[in-house]
């Protein structure tokens, strides 16, 4: 089955609803807002997200190996962007699993869907047009919620992750990758004051009912944290 399920949901016109626009890459966030891009700019931006040079610091193969996904699992790519990791999730969980590609920008979901179809492999995926405060995930079906370079765009993060906790299966995980808030992040294209320190992520997820269970330090520009629901 090429695409078992596709969900195209309507989103309100709030500028804040673009808070996830920079999934898996950085984009200037100013006082809770991001710059809106024309469709032509968006397509160019998405192509840049997929540039081969990104692999040097993102180390996608090592990230995937660390996540240890298996066929049949369900993964939510929160802020799927260009589908840089979504395509890898589809291959890892196979048609027997499910990948939820989530974004607040319809153009990004369209791009991701096309890029997965270009793989010419069977897959199961749902493309969810989310709101800024709700990823609209189904309850109790997700093994892994994956958040790459999106955390610093979210508003009221403890409340947000309290809400998404219900989407996880028993034993489910949340993996967060984001740029360091200091010089380790390198050139990110906007002031580092908009980034979120690793310690703040741990504190906010703790307030949301999670426990840090693993930390991986092989990414040169980003922290990589795995959380489970606190007992």
Foldseek 3Di string as FASTA:
>chain_A
DAEPEEDEDDEDPDQLQQLLQQFQADFDADPSGGDDDDPVVLVVVLVVSQDPVVCVQVVLVVVVVVVPAAAQAEEEEASCFQVNCVLVVFVHNDQNHEYEDFGQDVSRLVNNSVVNVVVVGHGYYYYANAGLQARPADFQRHQEYEGHQSQLSHDPNLNSLLVCLRRHHVNHKYKYKHFALDCQQPDRPYHSVSPDHPVVVQVSPVSSQKHWDDWDDPRRGITITMIDGHD
